[in-house]
Amino acid sequence: MAEHKHGDMDIKDHVKTFDGFMKFTTYTVVAIIVLLVLMAVFIT
């Protein structure tokens, strides 16, 4: 079995994917909050 060296793995693709996921999640949460505020203002 090959020797494993801690911290030797290339994780730039993982970081890029995680950054994209976090951006998507942030925009989605902001959109939901804006939608809820608009519903509270115009529906009631």
PDB file of N, CA and C in Angstrom:
ATOM      1  N   MET A   1       0.840  -1.173   0.000  1.00  0.00           N
ATOM      2  CA  MET A   1       0.000   0.000   0.000  1.00  0.00           C
ATOM      3  C   MET A   1       0.893   1.246   0.000  1.00  0.00           C
ATOM      4  N   ALA A   2       0.439   2.289  -0.686  1.00  0.00           N
ATOM      5  CA  ALA A   2       1.223   3.515  -0.798  1.00  0.00           C
ATOM      6  C   ALA A   2       1.240   4.267   0.528  1.00  0.00           C
ATOM      7  N   GLU A   3       2.309   4.974   0.751  1.00  0.00           N
ATOM      8  CA  GLU A   3       2.428   5.785   1.959  1.00  0.00           C
ATOM      9  C   GLU A   3       1.550   7.031   1.831  1.00  0.00           C
ATOM     10  N   HIS A   4       0.871   7.356   2.884  1.00  0.00           N
ATOM     11  CA  HIS A   4       0.033   8.557   2.919  1.00  0.00           C
ATOM     12  C   HIS A   4       0.774   9.658   3.657  1.00  0.00           C
ATOM     13  N   LYS A   5       0.849  10.820   3.021  1.00  0.00           N
ATOM     14  CA  LYS A   5       1.473  11.984   3.653  1.00  0.00           C
ATOM     15  C   LYS A   5       0.389  13.022   3.897  1.00  0.00           C
ATOM     16  N   HIS A   6       0.208  13.398   5.148  1.00  0.00           N
ATOM     17  CA  HIS A   6      -0.827  14.350   5.520  1.00  0.00           C
ATOM     18  C   HIS A   6      -0.577  15.699   4.847  1.00  0.00           C
ATOM     19  N   GLY A   7      -1.624  16.252   4.228  1.00  0.00           N
ATOM     20  CA  GLY A   7      -1.529  17.558   3.588  1.00  0.00           C
ATOM     21  C   GLY A   7      -0.967  17.524   2.186  1.00  0.00           C
ATOM     22  N   ASP A   8      -0.815  16.343   1.601  1.00  0.00           N
ATOM     23  CA  ASP A   8      -0.197  16.216   0.283  1.00  0.00           C
ATOM     24  C   ASP A   8      -1.235  16.185  -0.848  1.00  0.00           C
ATOM     25  N   MET A   9      -2.515  16.088  -0.514  1.00  0.00           N
ATOM     26  CA  MET A   9      -3.558  15.950  -1.524  1.00  0.00           C
ATOM     27  C   MET A   9      -3.888  17.294  -2.164  1.00  0.00           C
ATOM     28  N   ASP A  10      -4.152  17.280  -3.463  1.00  0.00           N
ATOM     29  CA  ASP A  10      -4.548  18.491  -4.177  1.00  0.00           C
ATOM     30  C   ASP A  10      -6.056  18.683  -4.003  1.00  0.00           C
ATOM     31  N   ILE A  11      -6.437  19.729  -3.294  1.00  0.00           N
ATOM     32  CA  ILE A  11      -7.850  19.917  -2.976  1.00  0.00           C
ATOM     33  C   ILE A  11      -8.455  21.141  -3.658  1.00  0.00           C
ATOM     34  N   LYS A  12      -7.804  21.689  -4.674  1.00  0.00           N
ATOM     35  CA  LYS A  12      -8.326  22.918  -5.278  1.00  0.00           C
ATOM     36  C   LYS A  12      -9.697  22.704  -5.912  1.00  0.00           C
ATOM     37  N   ASP A  13      -9.975  21.527  -6.475  1.00  0.00           N
ATOM     38  CA  ASP A  13     -11.299  21.258  -7.024  1.00  0.00           C
ATOM     39  C   ASP A  13     -12.346  21.168  -5.922  1.00  0.00           C
ATOM     40  N   HIS A  14     -11.975  20.596  -4.797  1.00  0.00           N
ATOM     41  CA  HIS A  14     -12.890  20.498  -3.667  1.00  0.00           C
ATOM     42  C   HIS A  14     -13.220  21.898  -3.141  1.00  0.00           C
ATOM     43  N   VAL A  15     -12.215  22.730  -3.029  1.00  0.00           N
ATOM     44  CA  VAL A  15     -12.412  24.092  -2.522  1.00  0.00           C
ATOM     45  C   VAL A  15     -13.284  24.884  -3.492  1.00  0.00           C
ATOM     46  N   LYS A  16     -13.044  24.735  -4.780  1.00  0.00           N
ATOM     47  CA  LYS A  16     -13.837  25.437  -5.795  1.00  0.00           C
ATOM     48  C   LYS A  16     -15.306  25.008  -5.723  1.00  0.00           C
ATOM     49  N   THR A  17     -15.537  23.714  -5.580  1.00  0.00           N
ATOM     50  CA  THR A  17     -16.902  23.207  -5.473  1.00  0.00           C
ATOM     51  C   THR A  17     -17.576  23.717  -4.206  1.00  0.00           C
ATOM     52  N   PHE A  18     -16.862  23.695  -3.087  1.00  0.00           N
ATOM     53  CA  PHE A  18     -17.429  24.178  -1.828  1.00  0.00           C
ATOM     54  C   PHE A  18     -17.743  25.665  -1.898  1.00  0.00           C
ATOM     55  N   ASP A  19     -16.855  26.451  -2.515  1.00  0.00           N
ATOM     56  CA  ASP A  19     -17.106  27.882  -2.664  1.00  0.00           C
ATOM     57  C   ASP A  19     -18.359  28.134  -3.497  1.00  0.00           C
ATOM     58  N   GLY A  20     -18.529  27.368  -4.566  1.00  0.00           N
ATOM     59  CA  GLY A  20     -19.733  27.494  -5.388  1.00  0.00           C
ATOM     60  C   GLY A  20     -20.984  27.119  -4.613  1.00  0.00           C
ATOM     61  N   PHE A  21     -20.904  26.054  -3.832  1.00  0.00           N
ATOM     62  CA  PHE A  21     -22.035  25.638  -3.003  1.00  0.00           C
ATOM     63  C   PHE A  21     -22.400  26.713  -1.987  1.00  0.00           C
ATOM     64  N   MET A  22     -21.406  27.296  -1.348  1.00  0.00           N
ATOM     65  CA  MET A  22     -21.676  28.327  -0.348  1.00  0.00           C
ATOM     66  C   MET A  22     -22.277  29.576  -0.986  1.00  0.00           C
ATOM     67  N   LYS A  23     -21.790  29.949  -2.176  1.00  0.00           N
ATOM     68  CA  LYS A  23     -22.345  31.099  -2.874  1.00  0.00           C
ATOM     69  C   LYS A  23     -23.811  30.844  -3.230  1.00  0.00           C
ATOM     70  N   PHE A  24     -24.101  29.658  -3.767  1.00  0.00           N
ATOM     71  CA  PHE A  24     -25.470  29.293  -4.116  1.00  0.00           C
ATOM     72  C   PHE A  24     -26.367  29.313  -2.881  1.00  0.00           C
ATOM     73  N   THR A  25     -25.891  28.757  -1.783  1.00  0.00           N
ATOM     74  CA  THR A  25     -26.673  28.711  -0.551  1.00  0.00           C
ATOM     75  C   THR A  25     -26.938  30.114  -0.011  1.00  0.00           C
ATOM     76  N   THR A  26     -25.936  30.954  -0.039  1.00  0.00           N
ATOM     77  CA  THR A  26     -26.091  32.329   0.449  1.00  0.00           C
ATOM     78  C   THR A  26     -27.121  33.083  -0.379  1.00  0.00           C
ATOM     79  N   TYR A  27     -27.017  33.009  -1.707  1.00  0.00           N
ATOM     80  CA  TYR A  27     -27.978  33.694  -2.577  1.00  0.00           C
ATOM     81  C   TYR A  27     -29.388  33.157  -2.383  1.00  0.00           C
ATOM     82  N   THR A  28     -29.530  31.859  -2.185  1.00  0.00           N
ATOM     83  CA  THR A  28     -30.841  31.266  -1.985  1.00  0.00           C
ATOM     84  C   THR A  28     -31.461  31.738  -0.676  1.00  0.00           C
ATOM     85  N   VAL A  29     -30.683  31.769   0.387  1.00  0.00           N
ATOM     86  CA  VAL A  29     -31.193  32.230   1.684  1.00  0.00           C
ATOM     87  C   VAL A  29     -31.594  33.701   1.605  1.00  0.00           C
ATOM     88  N   VAL A  30     -30.791  34.524   0.966  1.00  0.00           N
ATOM     89  CA  VAL A  30     -31.123  35.947   0.815  1.00  0.00           C
ATOM     90  C   VAL A  30     -32.407  36.102   0.005  1.00  0.00           C
ATOM     91  N   ALA A  31     -32.566  35.330  -1.072  1.00  0.00           N
ATOM     92  CA  ALA A  31     -33.778  35.410  -1.893  1.00  0.00           C
ATOM     93  C   ALA A  31     -35.013  34.998  -1.090  1.00  0.00           C
ATOM     94  N   ILE A  32     -34.892  33.984  -0.269  1.00  0.00           N
ATOM     95  CA  ILE A  32     -36.024  33.538   0.554  1.00  0.00           C
ATOM     96  C   ILE A  32     -36.391  34.607   1.579  1.00  0.00           C
ATOM     97  N   ILE A  33     -35.393  35.229   2.195  1.00  0.00           N
ATOM     98  CA  ILE A  33     -35.661  36.293   3.172  1.00  0.00           C
ATOM     99  C   ILE A  33     -36.350  37.475   2.498  1.00  0.00           C
ATOM    100  N   VAL A  34     -35.870  37.868   1.325  1.00  0.00           N
ATOM    101  CA  VAL A  34     -36.498  38.976   0.592  1.00  0.00           C
ATOM    102  C   VAL A  34     -37.934  38.615   0.238  1.00  0.00           C
ATOM    103  N   LEU A  35     -38.160  37.405  -0.219  1.00  0.00           N
ATOM    104  CA  LEU A  35     -39.511  36.961  -0.558  1.00  0.00           C
ATOM    105  C   LEU A  35     -40.423  37.007   0.667  1.00  0.00           C
ATOM    106  N   LEU A  36     -39.941  36.546   1.803  1.00  0.00           N
ATOM    107  CA  LEU A  36     -40.748  36.576   3.023  1.00  0.00           C
ATOM    108  C   LEU A  36     -41.071  38.004   3.456  1.00  0.00           C
ATOM    109  N   VAL A  37     -40.108  38.897   3.351  1.00  0.00           N
ATOM    110  CA  VAL A  37     -40.348  40.305   3.714  1.00  0.00           C
ATOM    111  C   VAL A  37     -41.375  40.920   2.768  1.00  0.00           C
ATOM    112  N   LEU A  38     -41.255  40.666   1.474  1.00  0.00           N
ATOM    113  CA  LEU A  38     -42.217  41.195   0.511  1.00  0.00           C
ATOM    114  C   LEU A  38     -43.612  40.618   0.755  1.00  0.00           C
ATOM    115  N   MET A  39     -43.680  39.349   1.086  1.00  0.00           N
ATOM    116  CA  MET A  39     -44.982  38.748   1.400  1.00  0.00           C
ATOM    117  C   MET A  39     -45.590  39.388   2.650  1.00  0.00           C
ATOM    118  N   ALA A  40     -44.752  39.649   3.645  1.00  0.00           N
ATOM    119  CA  ALA A  40     -45.243  40.274   4.878  1.00  0.00           C
ATOM    120  C   ALA A  40     -45.752  41.675   4.630  1.00  0.00           C
ATOM    121  N   VAL A  41     -45.120  42.393   3.712  1.00  0.00           N
ATOM    122  CA  VAL A  41     -45.520  43.774   3.439  1.00  0.00           C
ATOM    123  C   VAL A  41     -46.772  43.823   2.577  1.00  0.00           C
ATOM    124  N   PHE A  42     -46.832  43.047   1.507  1.00  0.00           N
ATOM    125  CA  PHE A  42     -47.900  43.205   0.522  1.00  0.00           C
ATOM    126  C   PHE A  42     -49.101  42.286   0.722  1.00  0.00           C
ATOM    127  N   ILE A  43     -48.942  41.204   1.428  1.00  0.00           N
ATOM    128  CA  ILE A  43     -50.064  40.287   1.578  1.00  0.00           C
ATOM    129  C   ILE A  43     -50.906  40.631   2.815  1.00  0.00           C
ATOM    130  N   THR A  44     -50.278  41.184   3.832  1.00  0.00           N
ATOM    131  CA  THR A  44     -51.049  41.494   5.041  1.00  0.00           C
ATOM    132  C   THR A  44     -51.661  42.876   4.977  1.00  0.00           C
TER     133      THR A  44
END
